[in-house]
Amino acid sequence: MNPADQDYGKWLGRMRGERCAENLKTHGFDAVLVPDGVSACTALRERIEGYETFGVGGSDTVRKIGILEELKSAGKTLYDHWETDTPEQDMELRLNQGRCDCFFTSANAISATGEIVNVDGIGNRTAAMSFGPKAVMIVAGVNKITDTLQDALERIRTVAGPMRAKSLGMKTPCAETGLCADCNSPQRICRVTTILHRKPMKAEKVSVILINKALGY
């Protein structure tokens, strides 16, 4: 093959993704690298068989690959706080996300050394990822992979946080300038930080589906 015809971005993503997946496995997580969203849905189907109730965080990645539509078509119960009309319904859905059979989410950053890092504004996502559901399915593009745990925390501060705040229309300094100001804004979304160093003890399964594409924030 002509070197000019090779996609070195995919090659690099595969190398980083494979290393990350192996280290996640060492830490007790179920992890796999797949090439695209279609393959991610296939990997998810294999892991969620038998579950009836599902929760979903505000993940752009999960919502783009089509798995939620499949669950709805199959008649599964889906707790999605994006589909609510009142504050009371919103809170009930968020609570049920922590009590469902399986919770879908992404990650703000995953270190190549095998740690999963997230920052929340409310905390329902980070809570459900660590305790409650029988299984957790984390779907993330390889753009979320960083070299070290410290780099993962920095990625959230400098990349994921500003981009997410902007996408949500938040009135925060980072949504205006793209730079973290460690603000005290009422709409600050960086309030709860969690690191999954190892699979939580009571969880049946925590799976990480890495997709060799740039997805999400």
N, C-alpha and C. Protein backbone atom coordinates (compact mmCIF):
# COMPACT_ATOMS: atom_id res chain seq x y z
N MET A 1 0.84 -1.20 0.00
CA MET A 1 0.00 0.00 0.00
C MET A 1 0.87 1.25 0.00
N ASN A 2 0.49 2.19 -0.81
CA ASN A 2 1.19 3.47 -0.85
C ASN A 2 1.04 4.16 0.51
N PRO A 3 2.16 4.59 1.13
CA PRO A 3 2.06 5.26 2.43
C PRO A 3 1.08 6.43 2.42
N ALA A 4 0.95 7.09 1.26
CA ALA A 4 0.05 8.24 1.18
C ALA A 4 -1.41 7.83 1.31
N ASP A 5 -1.70 6.52 1.05
CA ASP A 5 -3.08 6.04 1.11
C ASP A 5 -3.47 5.55 2.50
N GLN A 6 -2.53 5.48 3.41
CA GLN A 6 -2.82 4.99 4.74
C GLN A 6 -3.38 6.10 5.61
N ASP A 7 -4.32 5.73 6.47
CA ASP A 7 -4.92 6.67 7.41
C ASP A 7 -4.16 6.55 8.73
N TYR A 8 -3.19 7.42 8.91
CA TYR A 8 -2.35 7.32 10.11
C TYR A 8 -3.12 7.72 11.37
N GLY A 9 -4.18 8.50 11.19
CA GLY A 9 -4.99 8.83 12.35
C GLY A 9 -5.67 7.60 12.91
N LYS A 10 -6.22 6.75 12.01
CA LYS A 10 -6.86 5.52 12.47
C LYS A 10 -5.83 4.57 13.07
N TRP A 11 -4.66 4.54 12.47
CA TRP A 11 -3.59 3.68 13.02
C TRP A 11 -3.22 4.12 14.43
N LEU A 12 -3.04 5.43 14.61
CA LEU A 12 -2.67 5.92 15.94
C LEU A 12 -3.79 5.68 16.94
N GLY A 13 -5.02 5.91 16.50
CA GLY A 13 -6.16 5.65 17.38
C GLY A 13 -6.23 4.20 17.79
N ARG A 14 -5.94 3.30 16.85
CA ARG A 14 -5.96 1.87 17.17
C ARG A 14 -4.87 1.52 18.17
N MET A 15 -3.68 2.07 17.98
CA MET A 15 -2.58 1.78 18.90
C MET A 15 -2.91 2.27 20.32
N ARG A 16 -3.41 3.49 20.40
CA ARG A 16 -3.74 4.06 21.71
C ARG A 16 -4.94 3.33 22.34
N GLY A 17 -5.92 3.02 21.49
CA GLY A 17 -7.10 2.35 21.98
C GLY A 17 -6.81 0.96 22.50
N GLU A 18 -5.97 0.22 21.79
CA GLU A 18 -5.63 -1.14 22.23
C GLU A 18 -4.87 -1.12 23.55
N ARG A 19 -3.94 -0.18 23.67
CA ARG A 19 -3.20 -0.07 24.93
C ARG A 19 -4.14 0.29 26.08
N CYS A 20 -5.02 1.24 25.83
CA CYS A 20 -5.97 1.65 26.86
C CYS A 20 -6.87 0.50 27.26
N ALA A 21 -7.40 -0.23 26.29
CA ALA A 21 -8.29 -1.35 26.57
C ALA A 21 -7.60 -2.42 27.42
N GLU A 22 -6.35 -2.72 27.10
CA GLU A 22 -5.62 -3.73 27.87
C GLU A 22 -5.43 -3.29 29.32
N ASN A 23 -5.12 -2.03 29.54
CA ASN A 23 -4.93 -1.55 30.91
C ASN A 23 -6.25 -1.49 31.66
N LEU A 24 -7.35 -1.16 30.96
CA LEU A 24 -8.66 -1.18 31.60
C LEU A 24 -9.01 -2.60 32.04
N LYS A 25 -8.71 -3.58 31.21
CA LYS A 25 -8.96 -4.98 31.57
C LYS A 25 -8.16 -5.38 32.81
N THR A 26 -6.92 -4.92 32.89
CA THR A 26 -6.09 -5.20 34.05
C THR A 26 -6.73 -4.67 35.32
N HIS A 27 -7.49 -3.58 35.19
CA HIS A 27 -8.14 -2.94 36.34
C HIS A 27 -9.55 -3.48 36.59
N GLY A 28 -9.91 -4.56 35.92
CA GLY A 28 -11.18 -5.21 36.20
C GLY A 28 -12.33 -4.79 35.32
N PHE A 29 -12.09 -3.87 34.40
CA PHE A 29 -13.15 -3.44 33.49
C PHE A 29 -13.20 -4.38 32.28
N ASP A 30 -14.38 -4.51 31.71
CA ASP A 30 -14.53 -5.18 30.42
C ASP A 30 -14.31 -4.11 29.36
N ALA A 31 -13.35 -4.26 28.48
CA ALA A 31 -13.02 -3.21 27.52
C ALA A 31 -12.74 -3.79 26.14
N VAL A 32 -13.17 -3.06 25.12
CA VAL A 32 -12.94 -3.48 23.75
C VAL A 32 -12.82 -2.25 22.87
N LEU A 33 -12.01 -2.35 21.84
CA LEU A 33 -11.87 -1.29 20.84
C LEU A 33 -12.58 -1.72 19.58
N VAL A 34 -13.45 -0.86 19.04
CA VAL A 34 -14.19 -1.16 17.81
C VAL A 34 -13.96 -0.01 16.82
N PRO A 35 -14.19 -0.27 15.52
CA PRO A 35 -13.88 0.75 14.52
C PRO A 35 -14.92 1.85 14.35
N ASP A 36 -16.19 1.56 14.67
CA ASP A 36 -17.23 2.55 14.37
C ASP A 36 -18.47 2.32 15.23
N GLY A 37 -19.48 3.20 15.02
CA GLY A 37 -20.69 3.13 15.82
C GLY A 37 -21.48 1.85 15.61
N VAL A 38 -21.51 1.35 14.39
CA VAL A 38 -22.22 0.09 14.11
C VAL A 38 -21.62 -1.04 14.92
N SER A 39 -20.31 -1.12 14.91
CA SER A 39 -19.61 -2.16 15.69
C SER A 39 -19.82 -1.95 17.18
N ALA A 40 -19.91 -0.69 17.61
CA ALA A 40 -20.15 -0.40 19.02
C ALA A 40 -21.51 -0.94 19.45
N CYS A 41 -22.54 -0.75 18.60
CA CYS A 41 -23.87 -1.27 18.92
C CYS A 41 -23.85 -2.79 19.01
N THR A 42 -23.10 -3.44 18.14
CA THR A 42 -22.98 -4.90 18.19
C THR A 42 -22.36 -5.34 19.50
N ALA A 43 -21.29 -4.65 19.89
CA ALA A 43 -20.62 -4.98 21.16
C ALA A 43 -21.55 -4.75 22.35
N LEU A 44 -22.36 -3.71 22.28
CA LEU A 44 -23.29 -3.42 23.37
C LEU A 44 -24.39 -4.47 23.46
N ARG A 45 -24.95 -4.87 22.31
CA ARG A 45 -26.00 -5.88 22.33
C ARG A 45 -25.54 -7.16 23.03
N GLU A 46 -24.30 -7.53 22.79
CA GLU A 46 -23.77 -8.75 23.40
C GLU A 46 -23.68 -8.63 24.92
N ARG A 47 -23.59 -7.40 25.41
CA ARG A 47 -23.35 -7.17 26.83
C ARG A 47 -24.61 -6.82 27.61
N ILE A 48 -25.71 -6.49 26.93
CA ILE A 48 -26.91 -6.04 27.64
C ILE A 48 -28.06 -7.04 27.53
N GLU A 49 -27.80 -8.19 26.98
CA GLU A 49 -28.85 -9.21 26.84
C GLU A 49 -29.39 -9.59 28.22
N GLY A 50 -30.69 -9.59 28.32
CA GLY A 50 -31.34 -9.97 29.58
C GLY A 50 -31.72 -8.79 30.46
N TYR A 51 -31.21 -7.63 30.18
CA TYR A 51 -31.58 -6.44 30.95
C TYR A 51 -32.86 -5.83 30.39
N GLU A 52 -33.67 -5.26 31.27
CA GLU A 52 -34.97 -4.71 30.86
C GLU A 52 -35.08 -3.20 31.06
N THR A 53 -34.40 -2.67 32.05
CA THR A 53 -34.49 -1.24 32.34
C THR A 53 -33.14 -0.58 32.13
N PHE A 54 -33.16 0.57 31.47
CA PHE A 54 -31.93 1.25 31.08
C PHE A 54 -32.00 2.73 31.42
N GLY A 55 -30.88 3.26 31.87
CA GLY A 55 -30.75 4.70 32.08
C GLY A 55 -29.72 5.24 31.11
N VAL A 56 -29.82 6.53 30.83
CA VAL A 56 -28.84 7.15 29.94
C VAL A 56 -28.51 8.54 30.47
N GLY A 57 -27.21 8.84 30.54
CA GLY A 57 -26.78 10.18 30.91
C GLY A 57 -26.88 11.10 29.70
N GLY A 58 -26.41 12.31 29.86
CA GLY A 58 -26.50 13.28 28.76
C GLY A 58 -25.37 13.12 27.77
N SER A 59 -25.13 11.91 27.31
CA SER A 59 -23.98 11.62 26.45
C SER A 59 -24.30 11.87 24.99
N ASP A 60 -23.51 12.73 24.35
CA ASP A 60 -23.64 12.97 22.92
C ASP A 60 -23.24 11.72 22.14
N THR A 61 -22.22 11.03 22.60
CA THR A 61 -21.72 9.83 21.90
C THR A 61 -22.76 8.72 21.88
N VAL A 62 -23.33 8.39 23.05
CA VAL A 62 -24.32 7.32 23.12
C VAL A 62 -25.53 7.64 22.25
N ARG A 63 -25.93 8.89 22.23
CA ARG A 63 -27.13 9.28 21.49
C ARG A 63 -26.92 9.26 19.98
N LYS A 64 -25.68 9.23 19.53
CA LYS A 64 -25.41 9.27 18.10
C LYS A 64 -25.25 7.90 17.45
N ILE A 65 -25.01 6.86 18.23
CA ILE A 65 -24.70 5.57 17.61
C ILE A 65 -25.94 4.71 17.34
N GLY A 66 -27.11 5.10 17.88
CA GLY A 66 -28.35 4.41 17.55
C GLY A 66 -28.84 3.36 18.52
N ILE A 67 -28.10 3.10 19.59
CA ILE A 67 -28.48 2.03 20.52
C ILE A 67 -29.76 2.37 21.28
N LEU A 68 -29.99 3.64 21.57
CA LEU A 68 -31.19 4.02 22.32
C LEU A 68 -32.46 3.77 21.52
N GLU A 69 -32.40 4.05 20.23
CA GLU A 69 -33.55 3.78 19.35
C GLU A 69 -33.86 2.28 19.30
N GLU A 70 -32.82 1.47 19.32
CA GLU A 70 -33.01 0.02 19.33
C GLU A 70 -33.73 -0.42 20.60
N LEU A 71 -33.33 0.14 21.72
CA LEU A 71 -33.95 -0.23 22.98
C LEU A 71 -35.42 0.15 23.00
N LYS A 72 -35.72 1.35 22.51
CA LYS A 72 -37.12 1.80 22.47
C LYS A 72 -37.94 0.89 21.56
N SER A 73 -37.40 0.55 20.41
CA SER A 73 -38.11 -0.32 19.47
C SER A 73 -38.36 -1.70 20.06
N ALA A 74 -37.46 -2.15 20.92
CA ALA A 74 -37.60 -3.46 21.56
C ALA A 74 -38.52 -3.43 22.77
N GLY A 75 -39.05 -2.25 23.10
CA GLY A 75 -39.98 -2.13 24.21
C GLY A 75 -39.33 -2.08 25.58
N LYS A 76 -38.04 -1.79 25.62
CA LYS A 76 -37.34 -1.70 26.90
C LYS A 76 -37.69 -0.39 27.61
N THR A 77 -37.56 -0.38 28.90
CA THR A 77 -37.79 0.83 29.68
C THR A 77 -36.54 1.69 29.67
N LEU A 78 -36.67 2.95 29.29
CA LEU A 78 -35.53 3.85 29.18
C LEU A 78 -35.76 5.08 30.04
N TYR A 79 -34.86 5.31 30.98
CA TYR A 79 -34.92 6.49 31.82
C TYR A 79 -33.99 7.55 31.25
N ASP A 80 -34.59 8.55 30.60
CA ASP A 80 -33.82 9.59 29.90
C ASP A 80 -34.32 10.95 30.36
N HIS A 81 -33.50 11.67 31.12
CA HIS A 81 -33.94 12.97 31.64
C HIS A 81 -34.02 14.04 30.56
N TRP A 82 -33.59 13.73 29.34
CA TRP A 82 -33.80 14.66 28.24
C TRP A 82 -35.24 14.61 27.73
N GLU A 83 -35.99 13.60 28.16
CA GLU A 83 -37.37 13.46 27.74
C GLU A 83 -38.29 13.67 28.94
N THR A 84 -38.40 14.92 29.35
CA THR A 84 -39.20 15.25 30.52
C THR A 84 -39.82 16.63 30.36
N ASP A 85 -40.93 16.84 31.05
CA ASP A 85 -41.65 18.10 30.94
C ASP A 85 -41.60 18.93 32.21
N THR A 86 -41.33 18.29 33.34
CA THR A 86 -41.38 19.00 34.62
C THR A 86 -40.14 18.71 35.45
N PRO A 87 -39.80 19.59 36.39
CA PRO A 87 -38.67 19.34 37.28
C PRO A 87 -38.86 18.06 38.10
N GLU A 88 -40.11 17.75 38.44
CA GLU A 88 -40.38 16.55 39.22
C GLU A 88 -40.08 15.29 38.40
N GLN A 89 -40.48 15.29 37.14
CA GLN A 89 -40.18 14.16 36.27
C GLN A 89 -38.68 14.04 36.04
N ASP A 90 -38.03 15.18 35.88
CA ASP A 90 -36.59 15.18 35.68
C ASP A 90 -35.88 14.51 36.83
N MET A 91 -36.24 14.86 38.05
CA MET A 91 -35.61 14.27 39.23
C MET A 91 -35.92 12.79 39.35
N GLU A 92 -37.16 12.39 39.06
CA GLU A 92 -37.52 10.98 39.13
C GLU A 92 -36.72 10.15 38.13
N LEU A 93 -36.54 10.67 36.93
CA LEU A 93 -35.78 9.96 35.91
C LEU A 93 -34.31 9.83 36.32
N ARG A 94 -33.74 10.89 36.86
CA ARG A 94 -32.34 10.85 37.29
C ARG A 94 -32.15 9.84 38.42
N LEU A 95 -33.10 9.77 39.34
CA LEU A 95 -33.01 8.79 40.42
C LEU A 95 -33.12 7.37 39.88
N ASN A 96 -34.02 7.16 38.91
CA ASN A 96 -34.18 5.83 38.33
C ASN A 96 -32.95 5.39 37.54
N GLN A 97 -32.19 6.34 37.04
CA GLN A 97 -30.95 6.00 36.34
C GLN A 97 -29.98 5.27 37.26
N GLY A 98 -30.08 5.53 38.53
CA GLY A 98 -29.21 4.87 39.49
C GLY A 98 -29.76 3.56 40.02
N ARG A 99 -30.96 3.20 39.56
CA ARG A 99 -31.60 1.97 40.06
C ARG A 99 -31.93 1.00 38.93
N CYS A 100 -31.54 1.33 37.72
CA CYS A 100 -31.90 0.51 36.56
C CYS A 100 -30.97 -0.69 36.43
N ASP A 101 -31.32 -1.57 35.49
CA ASP A 101 -30.46 -2.72 35.24
C ASP A 101 -29.14 -2.31 34.62
N CYS A 102 -29.18 -1.36 33.69
CA CYS A 102 -27.99 -1.00 32.93
C CYS A 102 -27.99 0.50 32.63
N PHE A 103 -26.87 1.13 32.87
CA PHE A 103 -26.75 2.57 32.66
C PHE A 103 -25.78 2.84 31.52
N PHE A 104 -26.22 3.64 30.55
CA PHE A 104 -25.39 4.04 29.42
C PHE A 104 -24.82 5.44 29.65
N THR A 105 -23.55 5.61 29.34
CA THR A 105 -22.93 6.92 29.46
C THR A 105 -21.67 6.95 28.61
N SER A 106 -21.02 8.10 28.59
CA SER A 106 -19.69 8.18 28.00
C SER A 106 -18.73 8.54 29.13
N ALA A 107 -17.58 9.04 28.79
CA ALA A 107 -16.61 9.49 29.79
C ALA A 107 -16.02 10.81 29.32
N ASN A 108 -15.67 11.65 30.25
CA ASN A 108 -15.01 12.89 29.88
C ASN A 108 -13.57 12.67 29.48
N ALA A 109 -12.95 11.66 30.09
CA ALA A 109 -11.58 11.31 29.74
C ALA A 109 -11.28 9.91 30.28
N ILE A 110 -10.44 9.19 29.54
CA ILE A 110 -9.98 7.87 29.97
C ILE A 110 -8.47 7.83 29.78
N SER A 111 -7.75 7.56 30.84
CA SER A 111 -6.30 7.52 30.72
C SER A 111 -5.86 6.22 30.07
N ALA A 112 -4.80 6.29 29.30
CA ALA A 112 -4.25 5.09 28.67
C ALA A 112 -3.76 4.11 29.72
N THR A 113 -3.56 4.58 30.94
CA THR A 113 -3.13 3.72 32.04
C THR A 113 -4.30 3.01 32.72
N GLY A 114 -5.56 3.31 32.28
CA GLY A 114 -6.70 2.53 32.73
C GLY A 114 -7.59 3.13 33.79
N GLU A 115 -7.69 4.46 33.86
CA GLU A 115 -8.61 5.13 34.78
C GLU A 115 -9.67 5.89 33.99
N ILE A 116 -10.89 5.92 34.53
CA ILE A 116 -12.01 6.59 33.87
C ILE A 116 -12.39 7.81 34.69
N VAL A 117 -12.34 8.99 34.07
CA VAL A 117 -12.51 10.24 34.81
C VAL A 117 -13.73 11.01 34.29
N ASN A 118 -14.53 11.50 35.22
CA ASN A 118 -15.73 12.24 34.86
C ASN A 118 -15.97 13.40 35.80
N VAL A 119 -16.55 14.46 35.26
CA VAL A 119 -16.94 15.62 36.04
C VAL A 119 -18.40 15.93 35.74
N ASP A 120 -19.21 16.10 36.77
CA ASP A 120 -20.64 16.35 36.63
C ASP A 120 -21.04 17.66 37.29
N GLY A 121 -22.18 18.17 36.84
CA GLY A 121 -22.76 19.33 37.48
C GLY A 121 -23.77 18.93 38.54
N ILE A 122 -24.56 17.89 38.26
CA ILE A 122 -25.59 17.44 39.20
C ILE A 122 -25.12 16.22 39.98
N GLY A 123 -24.54 15.24 39.30
CA GLY A 123 -23.99 14.08 39.98
C GLY A 123 -24.73 12.79 39.74
N ASN A 124 -25.87 12.83 39.04
CA ASN A 124 -26.61 11.58 38.79
C ASN A 124 -25.80 10.63 37.91
N ARG A 125 -25.07 11.18 36.94
CA ARG A 125 -24.28 10.33 36.05
C ARG A 125 -23.12 9.69 36.79
N THR A 126 -22.36 10.49 37.53
CA THR A 126 -21.21 9.95 38.24
C THR A 126 -21.64 8.97 39.33
N ALA A 127 -22.81 9.22 39.94
CA ALA A 127 -23.31 8.30 40.96
C ALA A 127 -23.69 6.97 40.33
N ALA A 128 -24.42 7.02 39.21
CA ALA A 128 -24.87 5.79 38.55
C ALA A 128 -23.70 4.98 38.01
N MET A 129 -22.63 5.64 37.62
CA MET A 129 -21.46 4.93 37.10
C MET A 129 -20.75 4.14 38.18
N SER A 130 -20.88 4.57 39.43
CA SER A 130 -20.10 3.95 40.49
C SER A 130 -20.92 3.03 41.40
N PHE A 131 -22.26 3.25 41.48
CA PHE A 131 -23.06 2.41 42.37
C PHE A 131 -24.52 2.46 41.96
N GLY A 132 -25.17 1.29 41.97
CA GLY A 132 -26.60 1.23 41.72
C GLY A 132 -26.97 0.25 40.62
N PRO A 133 -26.76 0.62 39.36
CA PRO A 133 -27.11 -0.29 38.26
C PRO A 133 -26.28 -1.58 38.31
N LYS A 134 -26.87 -2.66 37.78
CA LYS A 134 -26.14 -3.92 37.70
C LYS A 134 -24.94 -3.79 36.76
N ALA A 135 -25.18 -3.07 35.67
CA ALA A 135 -24.13 -2.93 34.66
C ALA A 135 -24.04 -1.49 34.19
N VAL A 136 -22.85 -1.09 33.80
CA VAL A 136 -22.61 0.24 33.25
C VAL A 136 -21.90 0.06 31.91
N MET A 137 -22.42 0.74 30.88
CA MET A 137 -21.83 0.71 29.55
C MET A 137 -21.28 2.10 29.23
N ILE A 138 -19.96 2.20 29.12
CA ILE A 138 -19.30 3.47 28.83
C ILE A 138 -18.84 3.43 27.37
N VAL A 139 -19.34 4.36 26.57
CA VAL A 139 -19.01 4.41 25.14
C VAL A 139 -18.23 5.70 24.88
N ALA A 140 -17.04 5.58 24.32
CA ALA A 140 -16.20 6.77 24.15
C ALA A 140 -15.33 6.68 22.91
N GLY A 141 -15.18 7.80 22.23
CA GLY A 141 -14.26 7.88 21.11
C GLY A 141 -12.82 7.92 21.61
N VAL A 142 -11.88 7.55 20.75
CA VAL A 142 -10.48 7.52 21.16
C VAL A 142 -9.93 8.92 21.42
N ASN A 143 -10.66 9.95 21.01
CA ASN A 143 -10.24 11.32 21.34
C ASN A 143 -10.30 11.59 22.84
N LYS A 144 -11.01 10.73 23.58
CA LYS A 144 -11.09 10.89 25.03
C LYS A 144 -9.89 10.28 25.76
N ILE A 145 -9.05 9.55 25.04
CA ILE A 145 -7.91 8.87 25.68
C ILE A 145 -6.77 9.86 25.89
N THR A 146 -6.23 9.85 27.10
CA THR A 146 -5.06 10.67 27.42
C THR A 146 -3.93 9.77 27.89
N ASP A 147 -2.73 10.29 27.93
CA ASP A 147 -1.58 9.47 28.32
C ASP A 147 -1.62 9.07 29.79
N THR A 148 -1.96 10.02 30.66
CA THR A 148 -1.90 9.76 32.10
C THR A 148 -3.18 10.23 32.78
N LEU A 149 -3.32 9.86 34.05
CA LEU A 149 -4.46 10.31 34.84
C LEU A 149 -4.47 11.82 34.97
N GLN A 150 -3.31 12.41 35.20
CA GLN A 150 -3.23 13.87 35.30
C GLN A 150 -3.65 14.53 34.00
N ASP A 151 -3.26 13.94 32.88
CA ASP A 151 -3.67 14.47 31.58
C ASP A 151 -5.18 14.37 31.40
N ALA A 152 -5.78 13.32 31.95
CA ALA A 152 -7.23 13.16 31.86
C ALA A 152 -7.94 14.29 32.60
N LEU A 153 -7.47 14.60 33.78
CA LEU A 153 -8.06 15.71 34.54
C LEU A 153 -7.87 17.04 33.81
N GLU A 154 -6.71 17.20 33.18
CA GLU A 154 -6.45 18.44 32.44
C GLU A 154 -7.32 18.51 31.20
N ARG A 155 -7.55 17.38 30.55
CA ARG A 155 -8.41 17.38 29.36
C ARG A 155 -9.81 17.88 29.70
N ILE A 156 -10.33 17.45 30.82
CA ILE A 156 -11.66 17.88 31.23
C ILE A 156 -11.69 19.38 31.46
N ARG A 157 -10.65 19.91 32.09
CA ARG A 157 -10.61 21.34 32.40
C ARG A 157 -10.46 22.20 31.15
N THR A 158 -9.65 21.73 30.20
CA THR A 158 -9.31 22.57 29.06
C THR A 158 -10.08 22.25 27.78
N VAL A 159 -10.64 21.04 27.69
CA VAL A 159 -11.32 20.63 26.45
C VAL A 159 -12.79 20.28 26.71
N ALA A 160 -13.03 19.22 27.47
CA ALA A 160 -14.39 18.72 27.64
C ALA A 160 -15.30 19.73 28.34
N GLY A 161 -14.79 20.35 29.41
CA GLY A 161 -15.60 21.29 30.17
C GLY A 161 -16.07 22.48 29.34
N PRO A 162 -15.15 23.22 28.72
CA PRO A 162 -15.58 24.37 27.91
C PRO A 162 -16.50 23.97 26.75
N MET A 163 -16.19 22.86 26.07
CA MET A 163 -17.02 22.46 24.95
C MET A 163 -18.42 22.06 25.39
N ARG A 164 -18.50 21.33 26.49
CA ARG A 164 -19.82 20.91 26.97
C ARG A 164 -20.63 22.10 27.46
N ALA A 165 -20.00 23.00 28.19
CA ALA A 165 -20.71 24.19 28.66
C ALA A 165 -21.24 25.01 27.48
N LYS A 166 -20.43 25.13 26.44
CA LYS A 166 -20.86 25.86 25.25
C LYS A 166 -22.03 25.16 24.57
N SER A 167 -21.96 23.82 24.46
CA SER A 167 -23.02 23.07 23.79
C SER A 167 -24.34 23.17 24.53
N LEU A 168 -24.29 23.34 25.85
CA LEU A 168 -25.49 23.44 26.66
C LEU A 168 -26.00 24.87 26.80
N GLY A 169 -25.26 25.81 26.21
CA GLY A 169 -25.66 27.21 26.29
C GLY A 169 -25.50 27.81 27.67
N MET A 170 -24.55 27.30 28.44
CA MET A 170 -24.35 27.80 29.79
C MET A 170 -23.68 29.17 29.80
N LYS A 171 -24.05 29.96 30.78
CA LYS A 171 -23.44 31.29 30.92
C LYS A 171 -22.29 31.19 31.92
N THR A 172 -21.19 30.65 31.44
CA THR A 172 -19.99 30.49 32.26
C THR A 172 -18.81 31.11 31.53
N PRO A 173 -17.74 31.46 32.24
CA PRO A 173 -16.57 32.03 31.57
C PRO A 173 -16.01 31.13 30.48
N CYS A 174 -15.96 29.81 30.74
CA CYS A 174 -15.37 28.91 29.75
C CYS A 174 -16.21 28.83 28.48
N ALA A 175 -17.53 29.01 28.61
CA ALA A 175 -18.40 28.98 27.44
C ALA A 175 -18.24 30.25 26.60
N GLU A 176 -17.67 31.27 27.20
CA GLU A 176 -17.43 32.52 26.48
C GLU A 176 -16.03 32.58 25.88
N THR A 177 -15.04 32.15 26.66
CA THR A 177 -13.64 32.32 26.25
C THR A 177 -12.96 31.03 25.82
N GLY A 178 -13.54 29.88 26.20
CA GLY A 178 -12.90 28.60 25.94
C GLY A 178 -11.84 28.25 26.96
N LEU A 179 -11.70 29.07 27.99
CA LEU A 179 -10.68 28.85 29.01
C LEU A 179 -11.33 28.67 30.38
N CYS A 180 -10.88 27.69 31.12
CA CYS A 180 -11.40 27.47 32.47
C CYS A 180 -10.95 28.59 33.39
N ALA A 181 -11.89 29.14 34.16
CA ALA A 181 -11.57 30.20 35.12
C ALA A 181 -11.80 29.72 36.55
N ASP A 182 -12.04 28.42 36.75
CA ASP A 182 -12.37 27.86 38.06
C ASP A 182 -13.42 28.74 38.73
N CYS A 183 -14.52 28.94 38.01
CA CYS A 183 -15.50 29.96 38.37
C CYS A 183 -16.45 29.52 39.48
N ASN A 184 -17.22 30.48 39.96
CA ASN A 184 -18.31 30.23 40.89
C ASN A 184 -19.63 30.58 40.23
N SER A 185 -19.70 30.43 38.92
CA SER A 185 -20.92 30.73 38.19
C SER A 185 -22.05 29.83 38.64
N PRO A 186 -23.28 30.37 38.76
CA PRO A 186 -24.43 29.53 39.11
C PRO A 186 -24.65 28.39 38.12
N GLN A 187 -24.20 28.55 36.88
CA GLN A 187 -24.38 27.52 35.86
C GLN A 187 -23.13 26.68 35.65
N ARG A 188 -22.18 26.78 36.55
CA ARG A 188 -20.98 25.95 36.45
C ARG A 188 -21.36 24.48 36.39
N ILE A 189 -20.80 23.73 35.42
CA ILE A 189 -21.11 22.31 35.28
C ILE A 189 -20.05 21.41 35.89
N CYS A 190 -18.94 21.97 36.33
CA CYS A 190 -17.86 21.17 36.92
C CYS A 190 -17.96 21.25 38.44
N ARG A 191 -18.71 20.33 39.03
CA ARG A 191 -18.98 20.37 40.47
C ARG A 191 -18.64 19.06 41.19
N VAL A 192 -18.70 17.95 40.48
CA VAL A 192 -18.45 16.64 41.08
C VAL A 192 -17.45 15.89 40.20
N THR A 193 -16.33 15.48 40.78
CA THR A 193 -15.31 14.75 40.02
C THR A 193 -15.19 13.33 40.57
N THR A 194 -15.24 12.35 39.65
CA THR A 194 -15.05 10.96 40.06
C THR A 194 -13.98 10.31 39.19
N ILE A 195 -13.25 9.39 39.80
CA ILE A 195 -12.25 8.60 39.09
C ILE A 195 -12.52 7.13 39.39
N LEU A 196 -12.81 6.36 38.35
CA LEU A 196 -12.92 4.91 38.52
C LEU A 196 -11.53 4.33 38.31
N HIS A 197 -10.85 4.06 39.42
CA HIS A 197 -9.51 3.47 39.35
C HIS A 197 -9.59 1.98 39.02
N ARG A 198 -10.64 1.33 39.54
CA ARG A 198 -10.89 -0.08 39.31
C ARG A 198 -12.40 -0.28 39.21
N LYS A 199 -12.85 -1.42 38.72
CA LYS A 199 -14.28 -1.69 38.67
C LYS A 199 -14.85 -1.69 40.09
N PRO A 200 -15.93 -0.92 40.32
CA PRO A 200 -16.54 -0.92 41.65
C PRO A 200 -16.95 -2.33 42.06
N MET A 201 -16.81 -2.63 43.34
CA MET A 201 -16.98 -3.99 43.84
C MET A 201 -18.35 -4.59 43.59
N LYS A 202 -19.40 -3.79 43.74
CA LYS A 202 -20.76 -4.33 43.66
C LYS A 202 -21.31 -4.38 42.23
N ALA A 203 -20.64 -3.80 41.29
CA ALA A 203 -21.13 -3.78 39.92
C ALA A 203 -20.92 -5.16 39.28
N GLU A 204 -21.96 -5.67 38.60
CA GLU A 204 -21.79 -6.92 37.86
C GLU A 204 -20.80 -6.73 36.73
N LYS A 205 -20.91 -5.59 36.06
CA LYS A 205 -20.13 -5.38 34.85
C LYS A 205 -19.98 -3.89 34.59
N VAL A 206 -18.77 -3.46 34.31
CA VAL A 206 -18.53 -2.11 33.81
C VAL A 206 -17.76 -2.27 32.51
N SER A 207 -18.43 -2.01 31.41
CA SER A 207 -17.83 -2.20 30.09
C SER A 207 -17.45 -0.86 29.48
N VAL A 208 -16.31 -0.84 28.82
CA VAL A 208 -15.86 0.36 28.11
C VAL A 208 -15.74 0.00 26.63
N ILE A 209 -16.58 0.61 25.82
CA ILE A 209 -16.55 0.40 24.37
C ILE A 209 -15.83 1.60 23.75
N LEU A 210 -14.58 1.40 23.35
CA LEU A 210 -13.82 2.47 22.73
C LEU A 210 -14.04 2.42 21.22
N ILE A 211 -14.35 3.56 20.63
CA ILE A 211 -14.59 3.65 19.19
C ILE A 211 -13.45 4.42 18.56
N ASN A 212 -12.87 3.85 17.52
CA ASN A 212 -11.70 4.48 16.87
C ASN A 212 -12.12 5.64 15.99
N LYS A 213 -12.77 6.62 16.62
CA LYS A 213 -13.17 7.86 15.97
C LYS A 213 -13.18 8.96 17.02
N ALA A 214 -13.20 10.20 16.57
CA ALA A 214 -13.35 11.33 17.47
C ALA A 214 -14.84 11.57 17.66
N LEU A 215 -15.33 11.37 18.89
CA LEU A 215 -16.76 11.49 19.18
C LEU A 215 -16.93 12.24 20.50
N GLY A 216 -17.99 13.01 20.59
CA GLY A 216 -18.30 13.68 21.84
C GLY A 216 -17.38 14.82 22.16
N TYR A 217 -17.43 15.23 23.45
CA TYR A 217 -16.70 16.43 23.88
C TYR A 217 -15.48 16.06 24.72
